[in-house]
């Protein structure tokens, strides 16, 4: 009899889509950080972003993940606003 359970490494469609959302956010944050004019600040922000994503890599609770994505998007928007103000 075939088991309907997925192997431990297989993602459900919902998990796969959420993972893609997280990776997209991570890439957007790194792209925004590249626009920071000061090299030391860029390095600090890159390390911060990398550490935050690594620290939360094991999160599995759907509500927690959604909340972290929302927080990440808010922080990205704040960084983009700050960069826009600095250029004007």
C-alpha atoms as a PDB file:
ATOM      1  CA  UNK A   1       0.000   0.000   0.000  1.00  0.00           C
ATOM      2  CA  UNK A   2       1.429   3.382  -1.022  1.00  0.00           C
ATOM      3  CA  UNK A   3       1.779   5.962   1.701  1.00  0.00           C
ATOM      4  CA  UNK A   4       0.264   9.406   1.107  1.00  0.00           C
ATOM      5  CA  UNK A   5       2.898  11.035   3.295  1.00  0.00           C
ATOM      6  CA  UNK A   6       5.589  13.123   1.663  1.00  0.00           C
ATOM      7  CA  UNK A   7       9.239  12.352   2.273  1.00  0.00           C
ATOM      8  CA  UNK A   8      10.677  14.563   5.049  1.00  0.00           C
ATOM      9  CA  UNK A   9      12.523  16.788   2.558  1.00  0.00           C
ATOM     10  CA  UNK A  10       9.540  17.383   0.253  1.00  0.00           C
ATOM     11  CA  UNK A  11       7.660  20.660   0.610  1.00  0.00           C
ATOM     12  CA  UNK A  12       3.942  21.079   0.268  1.00  0.00           C
ATOM     13  CA  UNK A  13       2.801  23.587  -2.346  1.00  0.00           C
ATOM     14  CA  UNK A  14       2.000  26.090   0.415  1.00  0.00           C
ATOM     15  CA  UNK A  15       5.470  25.667   1.947  1.00  0.00           C
ATOM     16  CA  UNK A  16       7.117  25.963  -1.466  1.00  0.00           C
ATOM     17  CA  UNK A  17       5.259  29.202  -2.232  1.00  0.00           C
ATOM     18  CA  UNK A  18       6.061  30.630   1.202  1.00  0.00           C
ATOM     19  CA  UNK A  19       9.722  29.718   0.711  1.00  0.00           C
ATOM     20  CA  UNK A  20       9.726  31.524  -2.644  1.00  0.00           C
ATOM     21  CA  UNK A  21       8.191  34.567  -0.937  1.00  0.00           C
ATOM     22  CA  UNK A  22      10.944  34.552   1.709  1.00  0.00           C
ATOM     23  CA  UNK A  23      13.706  34.186  -0.885  1.00  0.00           C
ATOM     24  CA  UNK A  24      12.228  37.029  -2.939  1.00  0.00           C
ATOM     25  CA  UNK A  25      12.175  39.264   0.148  1.00  0.00           C
ATOM     26  CA  UNK A  26      15.785  38.330   0.963  1.00  0.00           C
ATOM     27  CA  UNK A  27      16.928  39.209  -2.568  1.00  0.00           C
ATOM     28  CA  UNK A  28      15.053  42.526  -2.498  1.00  0.00           C
ATOM     29  CA  UNK A  29      16.648  43.427   0.842  1.00  0.00           C
ATOM     30  CA  UNK A  30      20.131  42.610  -0.469  1.00  0.00           C
ATOM     31  CA  UNK A  31      19.469  44.673  -3.616  1.00  0.00           C
ATOM     32  CA  UNK A  32      18.368  47.642  -1.510  1.00  0.00           C
ATOM     33  CA  UNK A  33      21.444  47.294   0.707  1.00  0.00           C
ATOM     34  CA  UNK A  34      23.651  47.534  -2.410  1.00  0.00           C
ATOM     35  CA  UNK A  35      22.387  51.104  -2.816  1.00  0.00           C
ATOM     36  CA  UNK A  36      23.689  52.179   0.611  1.00  0.00           C
ATOM     37  CA  UNK A  37      26.533  54.609  -0.156  1.00  0.00           C
ATOM     38  CA  UNK A  38      28.736  53.888   2.871  1.00  0.00           C
ATOM     39  CA  UNK A  39      30.688  50.628   2.566  1.00  0.00           C
ATOM     40  CA  UNK A  40      30.799  50.001   6.316  1.00  0.00           C
ATOM     41  CA  UNK A  41      27.025  50.481   6.565  1.00  0.00           C
ATOM     42  CA  UNK A  42      26.488  48.150   3.594  1.00  0.00           C
ATOM     43  CA  UNK A  43      28.634  45.489   5.251  1.00  0.00           C
ATOM     44  CA  UNK A  44      26.807  45.885   8.575  1.00  0.00           C
ATOM     45  CA  UNK A  45      23.359  45.695   6.929  1.00  0.00           C
ATOM     46  CA  UNK A  46      24.330  42.685   4.798  1.00  0.00           C
ATOM     47  CA  UNK A  47      25.556  40.821   7.888  1.00  0.00           C
ATOM     48  CA  UNK A  48      22.424  41.827   9.804  1.00  0.00           C
ATOM     49  CA  UNK A  49      20.094  40.594   7.031  1.00  0.00           C
ATOM     50  CA  UNK A  50      22.015  37.342   6.619  1.00  0.00           C
ATOM     51  CA  UNK A  51      21.986  36.701  10.383  1.00  0.00           C
ATOM     52  CA  UNK A  52      18.256  37.435  10.696  1.00  0.00           C
ATOM     53  CA  UNK A  53      17.317  35.063   7.890  1.00  0.00           C
ATOM     54  CA  UNK A  54      19.656  32.334   9.202  1.00  0.00           C
ATOM     55  CA  UNK A  55      18.330  32.745  12.735  1.00  0.00           C
ATOM     56  CA  UNK A  56      14.754  32.245  11.574  1.00  0.00           C
ATOM     57  CA  UNK A  57      15.482  29.535   8.997  1.00  0.00           C
ATOM     58  CA  UNK A  58      13.969  26.782  11.138  1.00  0.00           C
ATOM     59  CA  UNK A  59      10.636  28.523  11.697  1.00  0.00           C
ATOM     60  CA  UNK A  60       7.712  26.269  10.789  1.00  0.00           C
ATOM     61  CA  UNK A  61       4.673  27.960  12.339  1.00  0.00           C
ATOM     62  CA  UNK A  62       2.684  29.516   9.463  1.00  0.00           C
ATOM     63  CA  UNK A  63       1.505  32.557  11.450  1.00  0.00           C
ATOM     64  CA  UNK A  64       5.027  33.252  12.685  1.00  0.00           C
ATOM     65  CA  UNK A  65       6.448  33.042   9.170  1.00  0.00           C
ATOM     66  CA  UNK A  66       3.771  35.394   7.814  1.00  0.00           C
ATOM     67  CA  UNK A  67       4.498  37.853  10.617  1.00  0.00           C
ATOM     68  CA  UNK A  68       8.237  37.747   9.900  1.00  0.00           C
ATOM     69  CA  UNK A  69       7.617  38.328   6.177  1.00  0.00           C
ATOM     70  CA  UNK A  70       5.418  41.317   7.031  1.00  0.00           C
ATOM     71  CA  UNK A  71       8.097  42.704   9.361  1.00  0.00           C
ATOM     72  CA  UNK A  72      10.765  42.149   6.708  1.00  0.00           C
ATOM     73  CA  UNK A  73       8.704  43.997   4.110  1.00  0.00           C
ATOM     74  CA  UNK A  74       8.183  46.907   6.503  1.00  0.00           C
ATOM     75  CA  UNK A  75      11.920  47.086   7.197  1.00  0.00           C
ATOM     76  CA  UNK A  76      12.630  46.945   3.447  1.00  0.00           C
ATOM     77  CA  UNK A  77      10.197  49.811   2.835  1.00  0.00           C
ATOM     78  CA  UNK A  78      11.861  51.840   5.584  1.00  0.00           C
ATOM     79  CA  UNK A  79      15.302  51.220   4.073  1.00  0.00           C
ATOM     80  CA  UNK A  80      14.051  52.200   0.614  1.00  0.00           C
ATOM     81  CA  UNK A  81      12.466  55.391   2.032  1.00  0.00           C
ATOM     82  CA  UNK A  82      15.692  56.283   3.817  1.00  0.00           C
ATOM     83  CA  UNK A  83      17.742  55.711   0.658  1.00  0.00           C
ATOM     84  CA  UNK A  84      15.336  57.835  -1.380  1.00  0.00           C
ATOM     85  CA  UNK A  85      15.595  60.683   1.159  1.00  0.00           C
ATOM     86  CA  UNK A  86      19.379  60.448   1.200  1.00  0.00           C
ATOM     87  CA  UNK A  87      19.491  60.834  -2.602  1.00  0.00           C
ATOM     88  CA  UNK A  88      17.249  63.910  -2.672  1.00  0.00           C
END
